[in-house]
């Protein structure tokens, strides 16, 4: 288990990385998984990690489990790694890659277009 100071820092880092509200994330996961033939049940929309992030956003810090802490570390790491990726050029391909990157990050609650 993580000590209190480390957990406090992780909580802040996680909420800085996850800059979408739980409502925004839930809506994005539903839209992302919907197709022309079907839409998943709201509680099943999105990736397991996206669903876990949504669950964490709805918790108090004192209610976190060890699994929550692991997911929080993973999300903070993913967002930090993606922030290090430089845009190579301004081609259409680069724009398409950037859109895919943004959508991928949004599935874990991070919208890179937000300040």
PDB file of N, CA and C in Angstrom:
ATOM      1  N   UNK A   1       0.850  -1.188   0.000  1.00  0.00           N
ATOM      2  CA  UNK A   1       0.000   0.000   0.000  1.00  0.00           C
ATOM      3  C   UNK A   1       0.889   1.244   0.000  1.00  0.00           C
ATOM      4  N   UNK A   2       0.373   2.309  -0.506  1.00  0.00           N
ATOM      5  CA  UNK A   2       1.084   3.568  -0.631  1.00  0.00           C
ATOM      6  C   UNK A   2       0.919   4.371   0.649  1.00  0.00           C
ATOM      7  N   UNK A   3       1.998   5.065   1.082  1.00  0.00           N
ATOM      8  CA  UNK A   3       1.870   5.868   2.302  1.00  0.00           C
ATOM      9  C   UNK A   3       1.055   7.137   2.011  1.00  0.00           C
ATOM     10  N   UNK A   4       0.640   7.836   3.066  1.00  0.00           N
ATOM     11  CA  UNK A   4      -0.288   8.961   2.940  1.00  0.00           C
ATOM     12  C   UNK A   4       0.273  10.100   2.085  1.00  0.00           C
ATOM     13  N   UNK A   5       1.550  10.436   2.260  1.00  0.00           N
ATOM     14  CA  UNK A   5       2.136  11.530   1.481  1.00  0.00           C
ATOM     15  C   UNK A   5       2.204  11.173   0.000  1.00  0.00           C
ATOM     16  N   UNK A   6       2.611   9.949  -0.274  1.00  0.00           N
ATOM     17  CA  UNK A   6       2.688   9.493  -1.666  1.00  0.00           C
ATOM     18  C   UNK A   6       1.294   9.456  -2.296  1.00  0.00           C
ATOM     19  N   UNK A   7       0.303   9.014  -1.521  1.00  0.00           N
ATOM     20  CA  UNK A   7      -1.064   8.965  -2.006  1.00  0.00           C
ATOM     21  C   UNK A   7      -1.598  10.372  -2.286  1.00  0.00           C
ATOM     22  N   UNK A   8      -1.267  11.321  -1.414  1.00  0.00           N
ATOM     23  CA  UNK A   8      -1.677  12.713  -1.632  1.00  0.00           C
ATOM     24  C   UNK A   8      -1.097  13.242  -2.944  1.00  0.00           C
ATOM     25  N   UNK A   9       0.178  12.980  -3.173  1.00  0.00           N
ATOM     26  CA  UNK A   9       0.839  13.442  -4.399  1.00  0.00           C
ATOM     27  C   UNK A   9       0.223  12.755  -5.622  1.00  0.00           C
ATOM     28  N   UNK A  10      -0.034  11.458  -5.523  1.00  0.00           N
ATOM     29  CA  UNK A  10      -0.644  10.719  -6.626  1.00  0.00           C
ATOM     30  C   UNK A  10      -2.041  11.262  -6.918  1.00  0.00           C
ATOM     31  N   UNK A  11      -2.820  11.519  -5.890  1.00  0.00           N
ATOM     32  CA  UNK A  11      -4.178  12.053  -6.044  1.00  0.00           C
ATOM     33  C   UNK A  11      -4.131  13.365  -6.836  1.00  0.00           C
ATOM     34  N   UNK A  12      -3.209  14.248  -6.456  1.00  0.00           N
ATOM     35  CA  UNK A  12      -3.070  15.536  -7.157  1.00  0.00           C
ATOM     36  C   UNK A  12      -2.591  15.334  -8.590  1.00  0.00           C
ATOM     37  N   UNK A  13      -1.587  14.481  -8.788  1.00  0.00           N
ATOM     38  CA  UNK A  13      -1.082  14.208 -10.139  1.00  0.00           C
ATOM     39  C   UNK A  13      -2.176  13.612 -11.027  1.00  0.00           C
ATOM     40  N   UNK A  14      -2.937  12.686 -10.473  1.00  0.00           N
ATOM     41  CA  UNK A  14      -4.014  12.037 -11.217  1.00  0.00           C
ATOM     42  C   UNK A  14      -5.065  13.060 -11.639  1.00  0.00           C
ATOM     43  N   UNK A  15      -5.470  13.911 -10.708  1.00  0.00           N
ATOM     44  CA  UNK A  15      -6.509  14.885 -11.029  1.00  0.00           C
ATOM     45  C   UNK A  15      -5.990  16.011 -11.926  1.00  0.00           C
ATOM     46  N   UNK A  16      -4.697  16.196 -11.979  1.00  0.00           N
ATOM     47  CA  UNK A  16      -4.112  17.138 -12.937  1.00  0.00           C
ATOM     48  C   UNK A  16      -4.083  16.493 -14.327  1.00  0.00           C
ATOM     49  N   UNK A  17      -3.754  15.204 -14.380  1.00  0.00           N
ATOM     50  CA  UNK A  17      -3.693  14.471 -15.653  1.00  0.00           C
ATOM     51  C   UNK A  17      -5.092  14.238 -16.214  1.00  0.00           C
ATOM     52  N   UNK A  18      -6.019  13.859 -15.363  1.00  0.00           N
ATOM     53  CA  UNK A  18      -7.394  13.604 -15.792  1.00  0.00           C
ATOM     54  C   UNK A  18      -8.142  14.931 -15.696  1.00  0.00           C
ATOM     55  N   UNK A  19      -8.218  15.616 -16.829  1.00  0.00           N
ATOM     56  CA  UNK A  19      -8.794  16.963 -16.822  1.00  0.00           C
ATOM     57  C   UNK A  19     -10.225  17.005 -17.355  1.00  0.00           C
ATOM     58  N   UNK A  20     -10.832  15.842 -17.513  1.00  0.00           N
ATOM     59  CA  UNK A  20     -12.240  15.768 -17.898  1.00  0.00           C
ATOM     60  C   UNK A  20     -13.054  15.413 -16.655  1.00  0.00           C
ATOM     61  N   UNK A  21     -14.271  15.922 -16.569  1.00  0.00           N
ATOM     62  CA  UNK A  21     -15.138  15.559 -15.454  1.00  0.00           C
ATOM     63  C   UNK A  21     -15.654  14.137 -15.667  1.00  0.00           C
ATOM     64  N   UNK A  22     -16.209  13.557 -14.623  1.00  0.00           N
ATOM     65  CA  UNK A  22     -16.751  12.209 -14.762  1.00  0.00           C
ATOM     66  C   UNK A  22     -17.895  12.190 -15.783  1.00  0.00           C
ATOM     67  N   UNK A  23     -18.704  13.260 -15.840  1.00  0.00           N
ATOM     68  CA  UNK A  23     -19.787  13.324 -16.819  1.00  0.00           C
ATOM     69  C   UNK A  23     -19.229  13.392 -18.244  1.00  0.00           C
ATOM     70  N   UNK A  24     -18.190  14.200 -18.445  1.00  0.00           N
ATOM     71  CA  UNK A  24     -17.583  14.315 -19.771  1.00  0.00           C
ATOM     72  C   UNK A  24     -16.964  12.988 -20.205  1.00  0.00           C
ATOM     73  N   UNK A  25     -16.268  12.337 -19.285  1.00  0.00           N
ATOM     74  CA  UNK A  25     -15.641  11.059 -19.598  1.00  0.00           C
ATOM     75  C   UNK A  25     -16.696  10.004 -19.912  1.00  0.00           C
ATOM     76  N   UNK A  26     -17.742   9.927 -19.107  1.00  0.00           N
ATOM     77  CA  UNK A  26     -18.806   8.944 -19.351  1.00  0.00           C
ATOM     78  C   UNK A  26     -19.440   9.166 -20.725  1.00  0.00           C
ATOM     79  N   UNK A  27     -19.697  10.420 -21.055  1.00  0.00           N
ATOM     80  CA  UNK A  27     -20.286  10.737 -22.361  1.00  0.00           C
ATOM     81  C   UNK A  27     -19.329  10.361 -23.491  1.00  0.00           C
ATOM     82  N   UNK A  28     -18.038  10.666 -23.316  1.00  0.00           N
ATOM     83  CA  UNK A  28     -17.056  10.333 -24.354  1.00  0.00           C
ATOM     84  C   UNK A  28     -16.962   8.821 -24.554  1.00  0.00           C
ATOM     85  N   UNK A  29     -16.940   8.063 -23.468  1.00  0.00           N
ATOM     86  CA  UNK A  29     -16.843   6.610 -23.580  1.00  0.00           C
ATOM     87  C   UNK A  29     -18.055   6.043 -24.308  1.00  0.00           C
ATOM     88  N   UNK A  30     -19.246   6.590 -24.035  1.00  0.00           N
ATOM     89  CA  UNK A  30     -20.456   6.111 -24.726  1.00  0.00           C
ATOM     90  C   UNK A  30     -20.384   6.438 -26.215  1.00  0.00           C
ATOM     91  N   UNK A  31     -19.985   7.657 -26.550  1.00  0.00           N
ATOM     92  CA  UNK A  31     -19.893   8.079 -27.951  1.00  0.00           C
ATOM     93  C   UNK A  31     -18.820   7.279 -28.674  1.00  0.00           C
ATOM     94  N   UNK A  32     -17.693   7.099 -28.028  1.00  0.00           N
ATOM     95  CA  UNK A  32     -16.555   6.412 -28.632  1.00  0.00           C
ATOM     96  C   UNK A  32     -16.900   4.968 -28.997  1.00  0.00           C
ATOM     97  N   UNK A  33     -17.685   4.309 -28.151  1.00  0.00           N
ATOM     98  CA  UNK A  33     -18.019   2.903 -28.375  1.00  0.00           C
ATOM     99  C   UNK A  33     -19.264   2.700 -29.237  1.00  0.00           C
ATOM    100  N   UNK A  34     -20.034   3.758 -29.448  1.00  0.00           N
ATOM    101  CA  UNK A  34     -21.260   3.614 -30.240  1.00  0.00           C
ATOM    102  C   UNK A  34     -20.906   3.457 -31.716  1.00  0.00           C
ATOM    103  N   UNK A  35     -21.658   2.642 -32.397  1.00  0.00           N
ATOM    104  CA  UNK A  35     -21.519   2.554 -33.852  1.00  0.00           C
ATOM    105  C   UNK A  35     -22.912   2.629 -34.456  1.00  0.00           C
ATOM    106  N   UNK A  36     -22.988   2.490 -35.742  1.00  0.00           N
ATOM    107  CA  UNK A  36     -24.277   2.675 -36.400  1.00  0.00           C
ATOM    108  C   UNK A  36     -25.287   1.586 -36.054  1.00  0.00           C
ATOM    109  N   UNK A  37     -24.819   0.453 -35.559  1.00  0.00           N
ATOM    110  CA  UNK A  37     -25.726  -0.661 -35.274  1.00  0.00           C
ATOM    111  C   UNK A  37     -26.073  -0.831 -33.802  1.00  0.00           C
ATOM    112  N   UNK A  38     -25.225  -0.358 -32.935  1.00  0.00           N
ATOM    113  CA  UNK A  38     -25.454  -0.612 -31.511  1.00  0.00           C
ATOM    114  C   UNK A  38     -24.697   0.388 -30.649  1.00  0.00           C
ATOM    115  N   UNK A  39     -25.198   0.529 -29.450  1.00  0.00           N
ATOM    116  CA  UNK A  39     -24.517   1.342 -28.453  1.00  0.00           C
ATOM    117  C   UNK A  39     -24.455   0.503 -27.184  1.00  0.00           C
ATOM    118  N   UNK A  40     -23.272   0.399 -26.562  1.00  0.00           N
ATOM    119  CA  UNK A  40     -23.167  -0.437 -25.370  1.00  0.00           C
ATOM    120  C   UNK A  40     -23.940   0.168 -24.199  1.00  0.00           C
ATOM    121  N   UNK A  41     -24.226  -0.663 -23.227  1.00  0.00           N
ATOM    122  CA  UNK A  41     -24.815  -0.146 -21.999  1.00  0.00           C
ATOM    123  C   UNK A  41     -23.852   0.884 -21.413  1.00  0.00           C
ATOM    124  N   UNK A  42     -24.362   1.981 -20.843  1.00  0.00           N
ATOM    125  CA  UNK A  42     -23.470   3.037 -20.343  1.00  0.00           C
ATOM    126  C   UNK A  42     -22.389   2.535 -19.392  1.00  0.00           C
ATOM    127  N   UNK A  43     -22.730   1.582 -18.546  1.00  0.00           N
ATOM    128  CA  UNK A  43     -21.735   1.095 -17.581  1.00  0.00           C
ATOM    129  C   UNK A  43     -20.705   0.165 -18.210  1.00  0.00           C
ATOM    130  N   UNK A  44     -20.905  -0.182 -19.488  1.00  0.00           N
ATOM    131  CA  UNK A  44     -19.956  -1.051 -20.187  1.00  0.00           C
ATOM    132  C   UNK A  44     -19.219  -0.340 -21.312  1.00  0.00           C
ATOM    133  N   UNK A  45     -19.492   0.934 -21.503  1.00  0.00           N
ATOM    134  CA  UNK A  45     -18.870   1.683 -22.594  1.00  0.00           C
ATOM    135  C   UNK A  45     -17.421   2.000 -22.254  1.00  0.00           C
ATOM    136  N   UNK A  46     -16.567   1.924 -23.262  1.00  0.00           N
ATOM    137  CA  UNK A  46     -15.171   2.281 -23.075  1.00  0.00           C
ATOM    138  C   UNK A  46     -14.306   1.109 -22.670  1.00  0.00           C
ATOM    139  N   UNK A  47     -13.018   1.401 -22.581  1.00  0.00           N
ATOM    140  CA  UNK A  47     -12.046   0.379 -22.193  1.00  0.00           C
ATOM    141  C   UNK A  47     -12.154   0.116 -20.691  1.00  0.00           C
ATOM    142  N   UNK A  48     -11.622  -1.009 -20.231  1.00  0.00           N
ATOM    143  CA  UNK A  48     -11.608  -1.259 -18.785  1.00  0.00           C
ATOM    144  C   UNK A  48     -10.884  -0.144 -18.016  1.00  0.00           C
ATOM    145  N   UNK A  49      -9.795   0.368 -18.588  1.00  0.00           N
ATOM    146  CA  UNK A  49      -9.073   1.449 -17.909  1.00  0.00           C
ATOM    147  C   UNK A  49      -9.929   2.705 -17.859  1.00  0.00           C
ATOM    148  N   UNK A  50     -10.582   3.033 -18.960  1.00  0.00           N
ATOM    149  CA  UNK A  50     -11.463   4.196 -18.969  1.00  0.00           C
ATOM    150  C   UNK A  50     -12.581   4.069 -17.946  1.00  0.00           C
ATOM    151  N   UNK A  51     -13.163   2.885 -17.848  1.00  0.00           N
ATOM    152  CA  UNK A  51     -14.209   2.646 -16.850  1.00  0.00           C
ATOM    153  C   UNK A  51     -13.658   2.773 -15.429  1.00  0.00           C
ATOM    154  N   UNK A  52     -12.431   2.284 -15.233  1.00  0.00           N
ATOM    155  CA  UNK A  52     -11.822   2.368 -13.912  1.00  0.00           C
ATOM    156  C   UNK A  52     -11.543   3.830 -13.541  1.00  0.00           C
ATOM    157  N   UNK A  53     -11.055   4.614 -14.506  1.00  0.00           N
ATOM    158  CA  UNK A  53     -10.831   6.043 -14.264  1.00  0.00           C
ATOM    159  C   UNK A  53     -12.141   6.705 -13.863  1.00  0.00           C
ATOM    160  N   UNK A  54     -13.208   6.379 -14.552  1.00  0.00           N
ATOM    161  CA  UNK A  54     -14.519   6.927 -14.242  1.00  0.00           C
ATOM    162  C   UNK A  54     -14.924   6.584 -12.811  1.00  0.00           C
ATOM    163  N   UNK A  55     -14.681   5.354 -12.415  1.00  0.00           N
ATOM    164  CA  UNK A  55     -14.988   4.926 -11.048  1.00  0.00           C
ATOM    165  C   UNK A  55     -14.164   5.711 -10.031  1.00  0.00           C
ATOM    166  N   UNK A  56     -12.877   5.897 -10.313  1.00  0.00           N
ATOM    167  CA  UNK A  56     -12.001   6.640  -9.403  1.00  0.00           C
ATOM    168  C   UNK A  56     -12.477   8.082  -9.256  1.00  0.00           C
ATOM    169  N   UNK A  57     -12.886   8.692 -10.359  1.00  0.00           N
ATOM    170  CA  UNK A  57     -13.358  10.083 -10.306  1.00  0.00           C
ATOM    171  C   UNK A  57     -14.570  10.243  -9.395  1.00  0.00           C
ATOM    172  N   UNK A  58     -15.296   9.173  -9.203  1.00  0.00           N
ATOM    173  CA  UNK A  58     -16.499   9.225  -8.380  1.00  0.00           C
ATOM    174  C   UNK A  58     -16.235   8.828  -6.924  1.00  0.00           C
ATOM    175  N   UNK A  59     -14.969   8.619  -6.585  1.00  0.00           N
ATOM    176  CA  UNK A  59     -14.608   8.200  -5.231  1.00  0.00           C
ATOM    177  C   UNK A  59     -13.959   9.333  -4.445  1.00  0.00           C
ATOM    178  N   UNK A  60     -13.969   9.139  -3.140  1.00  0.00           N
ATOM    179  CA  UNK A  60     -13.175   9.999  -2.266  1.00  0.00           C
ATOM    180  C   UNK A  60     -11.804   9.345  -2.118  1.00  0.00           C
ATOM    181  N   UNK A  61     -10.828  10.144  -1.814  1.00  0.00           N
ATOM    182  CA  UNK A  61      -9.460   9.640  -1.674  1.00  0.00           C
ATOM    183  C   UNK A  61      -9.382   8.510  -0.652  1.00  0.00           C
ATOM    184  N   UNK A  62     -10.148   8.604   0.410  1.00  0.00           N
ATOM    185  CA  UNK A  62     -10.091   7.591   1.475  1.00  0.00           C
ATOM    186  C   UNK A  62     -10.699   6.250   1.043  1.00  0.00           C
ATOM    187  N   UNK A  63     -11.427   6.238  -0.073  1.00  0.00           N
ATOM    188  CA  UNK A  63     -12.079   5.013  -0.536  1.00  0.00           C
ATOM    189  C   UNK A  63     -11.291   4.268  -1.603  1.00  0.00           C
ATOM    190  N   UNK A  64     -10.091   4.728  -1.930  1.00  0.00           N
ATOM    191  CA  UNK A  64      -9.302   4.108  -3.000  1.00  0.00           C
ATOM    192  C   UNK A  64      -8.833   2.712  -2.610  1.00  0.00           C
ATOM    193  N   UNK A  65      -8.834   1.819  -3.598  1.00  0.00           N
ATOM    194  CA  UNK A  65      -8.311   0.462  -3.407  1.00  0.00           C
ATOM    195  C   UNK A  65      -6.902   0.390  -3.996  1.00  0.00           C
ATOM    196  N   UNK A  66      -6.228  -0.718  -3.766  1.00  0.00           N
ATOM    197  CA  UNK A  66      -4.907  -0.925  -4.370  1.00  0.00           C
ATOM    198  C   UNK A  66      -4.993  -0.915  -5.892  1.00  0.00           C
ATOM    199  N   UNK A  67      -6.067  -1.503  -6.452  1.00  0.00           N
ATOM    200  CA  UNK A  67      -6.266  -1.473  -7.904  1.00  0.00           C
ATOM    201  C   UNK A  67      -6.422  -0.045  -8.408  1.00  0.00           C
ATOM    202  N   UNK A  68      -7.160   0.777  -7.657  1.00  0.00           N
ATOM    203  CA  UNK A  68      -7.331   2.180  -8.036  1.00  0.00           C
ATOM    204  C   UNK A  68      -5.975   2.880  -8.097  1.00  0.00           C
ATOM    205  N   UNK A  69      -5.152   2.643  -7.094  1.00  0.00           N
ATOM    206  CA  UNK A  69      -3.834   3.273  -7.033  1.00  0.00           C
ATOM    207  C   UNK A  69      -2.986   2.851  -8.234  1.00  0.00           C
ATOM    208  N   UNK A  70      -3.020   1.566  -8.581  1.00  0.00           N
ATOM    209  CA  UNK A  70      -2.268   1.086  -9.749  1.00  0.00           C
ATOM    210  C   UNK A  70      -2.733   1.779 -11.036  1.00  0.00           C
ATOM    211  N   UNK A  71      -4.037   1.882 -11.207  1.00  0.00           N
ATOM    212  CA  UNK A  71      -4.588   2.537 -12.398  1.00  0.00           C
ATOM    213  C   UNK A  71      -4.214   4.019 -12.404  1.00  0.00           C
ATOM    214  N   UNK A  72      -4.259   4.657 -11.254  1.00  0.00           N
ATOM    215  CA  UNK A  72      -3.901   6.074 -11.173  1.00  0.00           C
ATOM    216  C   UNK A  72      -2.449   6.291 -11.599  1.00  0.00           C
ATOM    217  N   UNK A  73      -1.541   5.463 -11.110  1.00  0.00           N
ATOM    218  CA  UNK A  73      -0.133   5.563 -11.523  1.00  0.00           C
ATOM    219  C   UNK A  73      -0.005   5.358 -13.035  1.00  0.00           C
ATOM    220  N   UNK A  74      -0.726   4.358 -13.556  1.00  0.00           N
ATOM    221  CA  UNK A  74      -0.637   4.062 -14.984  1.00  0.00           C
ATOM    222  C   UNK A  74      -1.142   5.237 -15.828  1.00  0.00           C
ATOM    223  N   UNK A  75      -2.249   5.832 -15.433  1.00  0.00           N
ATOM    224  CA  UNK A  75      -2.815   6.961 -16.174  1.00  0.00           C
ATOM    225  C   UNK A  75      -1.877   8.163 -16.127  1.00  0.00           C
ATOM    226  N   UNK A  76      -1.324   8.457 -14.961  1.00  0.00           N
ATOM    227  CA  UNK A  76      -0.378   9.577 -14.839  1.00  0.00           C
ATOM    228  C   UNK A  76       0.823   9.337 -15.742  1.00  0.00           C
ATOM    229  N   UNK A  77       1.331   8.105 -15.766  1.00  0.00           N
ATOM    230  CA  UNK A  77       2.480   7.770 -16.623  1.00  0.00           C
ATOM    231  C   UNK A  77       2.135   7.904 -18.105  1.00  0.00           C
ATOM    232  N   UNK A  78       0.970   7.415 -18.509  1.00  0.00           N
ATOM    233  CA  UNK A  78       0.564   7.489 -19.914  1.00  0.00           C
ATOM    234  C   UNK A  78       0.460   8.942 -20.358  1.00  0.00           C
ATOM    235  N   UNK A  79      -0.180   9.769 -19.555  1.00  0.00           N
ATOM    236  CA  UNK A  79      -0.355  11.178 -19.918  1.00  0.00           C
ATOM    237  C   UNK A  79       1.002  11.874 -19.987  1.00  0.00           C
ATOM    238  N   UNK A  80       1.896  11.573 -19.048  1.00  0.00           N
ATOM    239  CA  UNK A  80       3.234  12.181 -19.062  1.00  0.00           C
ATOM    240  C   UNK A  80       4.020  11.748 -20.298  1.00  0.00           C
ATOM    241  N   UNK A  81       3.951  10.467 -20.636  1.00  0.00           N
ATOM    242  CA  UNK A  81       4.649   9.964 -21.832  1.00  0.00           C
ATOM    243  C   UNK A  81       4.109  10.614 -23.096  1.00  0.00           C
ATOM    244  N   UNK A  82       2.809  10.726 -23.205  1.00  0.00           N
ATOM    245  CA  UNK A  82       2.190  11.321 -24.388  1.00  0.00           C
ATOM    246  C   UNK A  82       2.509  12.810 -24.494  1.00  0.00           C
ATOM    247  N   UNK A  83       2.660  13.475 -23.362  1.00  0.00           N
ATOM    248  CA  UNK A  83       2.997  14.906 -23.378  1.00  0.00           C
ATOM    249  C   UNK A  83       4.398  15.129 -23.926  1.00  0.00           C
ATOM    250  N   UNK A  84       5.245  14.116 -23.812  1.00  0.00           N
ATOM    251  CA  UNK A  84       6.618  14.216 -24.311  1.00  0.00           C
ATOM    252  C   UNK A  84       6.710  14.021 -25.821  1.00  0.00           C
ATOM    253  N   UNK A  85       5.654  13.497 -26.433  1.00  0.00           N
ATOM    254  CA  UNK A  85       5.671  13.246 -27.870  1.00  0.00           C
ATOM    255  C   UNK A  85       5.594  14.582 -28.608  1.00  0.00           C
ATOM    256  N   UNK A  86       6.564  14.795 -29.487  1.00  0.00           N
ATOM    257  CA  UNK A  86       6.606  16.039 -30.274  1.00  0.00           C
ATOM    258  C   UNK A  86       5.848  15.850 -31.573  1.00  0.00           C
ATOM    259  N   UNK A  87       5.229  16.911 -32.044  1.00  0.00           N
ATOM    260  CA  UNK A  87       4.575  16.894 -33.348  1.00  0.00           C
ATOM    261  C   UNK A  87       5.653  17.093 -34.400  1.00  0.00           C
ATOM    262  N   UNK A  88       5.861  16.078 -35.254  1.00  0.00           N
ATOM    263  CA  UNK A  88       6.964  16.130 -36.216  1.00  0.00           C
ATOM    264  C   UNK A  88       6.729  17.136 -37.331  1.00  0.00           C
ATOM    265  N   UNK A  89       5.549  17.152 -37.910  1.00  0.00           N
ATOM    266  CA  UNK A  89       5.281  18.076 -39.004  1.00  0.00           C
ATOM    267  C   UNK A  89       3.811  18.412 -39.047  1.00  0.00           C
ATOM    268  N   UNK A  90       3.478  19.394 -39.846  1.00  0.00           N
ATOM    269  CA  UNK A  90       2.100  19.851 -39.950  1.00  0.00           C
ATOM    270  C   UNK A  90       1.416  19.281 -41.185  1.00  0.00           C
ATOM    271  N   UNK A  91       1.619  18.034 -41.482  1.00  0.00           N
ATOM    272  CA  UNK A  91       0.973  17.405 -42.629  1.00  0.00           C
ATOM    273  C   UNK A  91      -0.400  16.887 -42.219  1.00  0.00           C
ATOM    274  N   UNK A  92      -1.186  16.499 -43.222  1.00  0.00           N
ATOM    275  CA  UNK A  92      -2.493  15.908 -42.929  1.00  0.00           C
ATOM    276  C   UNK A  92      -2.333  14.655 -42.085  1.00  0.00           C
ATOM    277  N   UNK A  93      -1.286  13.872 -42.389  1.00  0.00           N
ATOM    278  CA  UNK A  93      -1.028  12.656 -41.625  1.00  0.00           C
ATOM    279  C   UNK A  93      -0.752  12.992 -40.160  1.00  0.00           C
ATOM    280  N   UNK A  94       0.006  14.058 -39.924  1.00  0.00           N
ATOM    281  CA  UNK A  94       0.297  14.469 -38.555  1.00  0.00           C
ATOM    282  C   UNK A  94      -0.981  14.896 -37.843  1.00  0.00           C
ATOM    283  N   UNK A  95      -1.868  15.562 -38.566  1.00  0.00           N
ATOM    284  CA  UNK A  95      -3.142  15.967 -37.968  1.00  0.00           C
ATOM    285  C   UNK A  95      -3.986  14.744 -37.623  1.00  0.00           C
ATOM    286  N   UNK A  96      -4.003  13.765 -38.488  1.00  0.00           N
ATOM    287  CA  UNK A  96      -4.762  12.538 -38.231  1.00  0.00           C
ATOM    288  C   UNK A  96      -4.186  11.799 -37.024  1.00  0.00           C
ATOM    289  N   UNK A  97      -2.851  11.720 -36.962  1.00  0.00           N
ATOM    290  CA  UNK A  97      -2.205  11.081 -35.808  1.00  0.00           C
ATOM    291  C   UNK A  97      -2.540  11.827 -34.523  1.00  0.00           C
ATOM    292  N   UNK A  98      -2.533  13.156 -34.596  1.00  0.00           N
ATOM    293  CA  UNK A  98      -2.841  13.969 -33.416  1.00  0.00           C
ATOM    294  C   UNK A  98      -4.290  13.746 -32.965  1.00  0.00           C
ATOM    295  N   UNK A  99      -5.203  13.627 -33.926  1.00  0.00           N
ATOM    296  CA  UNK A  99      -6.601  13.369 -33.575  1.00  0.00           C
ATOM    297  C   UNK A  99      -6.736  11.996 -32.908  1.00  0.00           C
ATOM    298  N   UNK A 100      -6.055  10.992 -33.456  1.00  0.00           N
ATOM    299  CA  UNK A 100      -6.096   9.652 -32.838  1.00  0.00           C
ATOM    300  C   UNK A 100      -5.492   9.689 -31.438  1.00  0.00           C
ATOM    301  N   UNK A 101      -4.375  10.404 -31.299  1.00  0.00           N
ATOM    302  CA  UNK A 101      -3.716  10.528 -29.992  1.00  0.00           C
ATOM    303  C   UNK A 101      -4.656  11.190 -28.992  1.00  0.00           C
ATOM    304  N   UNK A 102      -5.316  12.279 -29.414  1.00  0.00           N
ATOM    305  CA  UNK A 102      -6.251  12.982 -28.526  1.00  0.00           C
ATOM    306  C   UNK A 102      -7.380  12.057 -28.107  1.00  0.00           C
ATOM    307  N   UNK A 103      -7.967  11.350 -29.064  1.00  0.00           N
ATOM    308  CA  UNK A 103      -9.076  10.457 -28.746  1.00  0.00           C
ATOM    309  C   UNK A 103      -8.640   9.329 -27.826  1.00  0.00           C
ATOM    310  N   UNK A 104      -7.440   8.811 -28.035  1.00  0.00           N
ATOM    311  CA  UNK A 104      -6.903   7.756 -27.162  1.00  0.00           C
ATOM    312  C   UNK A 104      -6.751   8.279 -25.732  1.00  0.00           C
ATOM    313  N   UNK A 105      -6.207   9.490 -25.593  1.00  0.00           N
ATOM    314  CA  UNK A 105      -6.034  10.071 -24.258  1.00  0.00           C
ATOM    315  C   UNK A 105      -7.379  10.380 -23.601  1.00  0.00           C
ATOM    316  N   UNK A 106      -8.342  10.788 -24.409  1.00  0.00           N
ATOM    317  CA  UNK A 106      -9.655  11.097 -23.847  1.00  0.00           C
ATOM    318  C   UNK A 106     -10.328   9.858 -23.272  1.00  0.00           C
ATOM    319  N   UNK A 107      -9.966   8.659 -23.748  1.00  0.00           N
ATOM    320  CA  UNK A 107     -10.562   7.439 -23.195  1.00  0.00           C
ATOM    321  C   UNK A 107     -10.096   7.177 -21.772  1.00  0.00           C
ATOM    322  N   UNK A 108      -9.036   7.878 -21.336  1.00  0.00           N
ATOM    323  CA  UNK A 108      -8.605   7.770 -19.934  1.00  0.00           C
ATOM    324  C   UNK A 108      -8.816   9.092 -19.202  1.00  0.00           C
ATOM    325  N   UNK A 109      -9.594   9.996 -19.801  1.00  0.00           N
ATOM    326  CA  UNK A 109      -9.981  11.215 -19.098  1.00  0.00           C
ATOM    327  C   UNK A 109      -9.094  12.421 -19.296  1.00  0.00           C
ATOM    328  N   UNK A 110      -8.165  12.365 -20.262  1.00  0.00           N
ATOM    329  CA  UNK A 110      -7.270  13.506 -20.490  1.00  0.00           C
ATOM    330  C   UNK A 110      -7.525  14.102 -21.874  1.00  0.00           C
ATOM    331  N   UNK A 111      -7.940  15.371 -21.904  1.00  0.00           N
ATOM    332  CA  UNK A 111      -8.099  16.069 -23.175  1.00  0.00           C
ATOM    333  C   UNK A 111      -6.900  16.993 -23.365  1.00  0.00           C
ATOM    334  N   UNK A 112      -5.987  16.645 -24.272  1.00  0.00           N
ATOM    335  CA  UNK A 112      -4.762  17.434 -24.432  1.00  0.00           C
ATOM    336  C   UNK A 112      -5.007  18.843 -24.958  1.00  0.00           C
ATOM    337  N   UNK A 113      -6.212  19.140 -25.452  1.00  0.00           N
ATOM    338  CA  UNK A 113      -6.496  20.488 -25.927  1.00  0.00           C
ATOM    339  C   UNK A 113      -6.896  21.431 -24.798  1.00  0.00           C
ATOM    340  N   UNK A 114      -7.101  20.893 -23.617  1.00  0.00           N
ATOM    341  CA  UNK A 114      -7.416  21.735 -22.469  1.00  0.00           C
ATOM    342  C   UNK A 114      -6.137  22.229 -21.819  1.00  0.00           C
ATOM    343  N   UNK A 115      -6.187  23.456 -21.306  1.00  0.00           N
ATOM    344  CA  UNK A 115      -4.971  23.992 -20.644  1.00  0.00           C
ATOM    345  C   UNK A 115      -4.649  23.267 -19.352  1.00  0.00           C
TER     346      UNK A 115
END
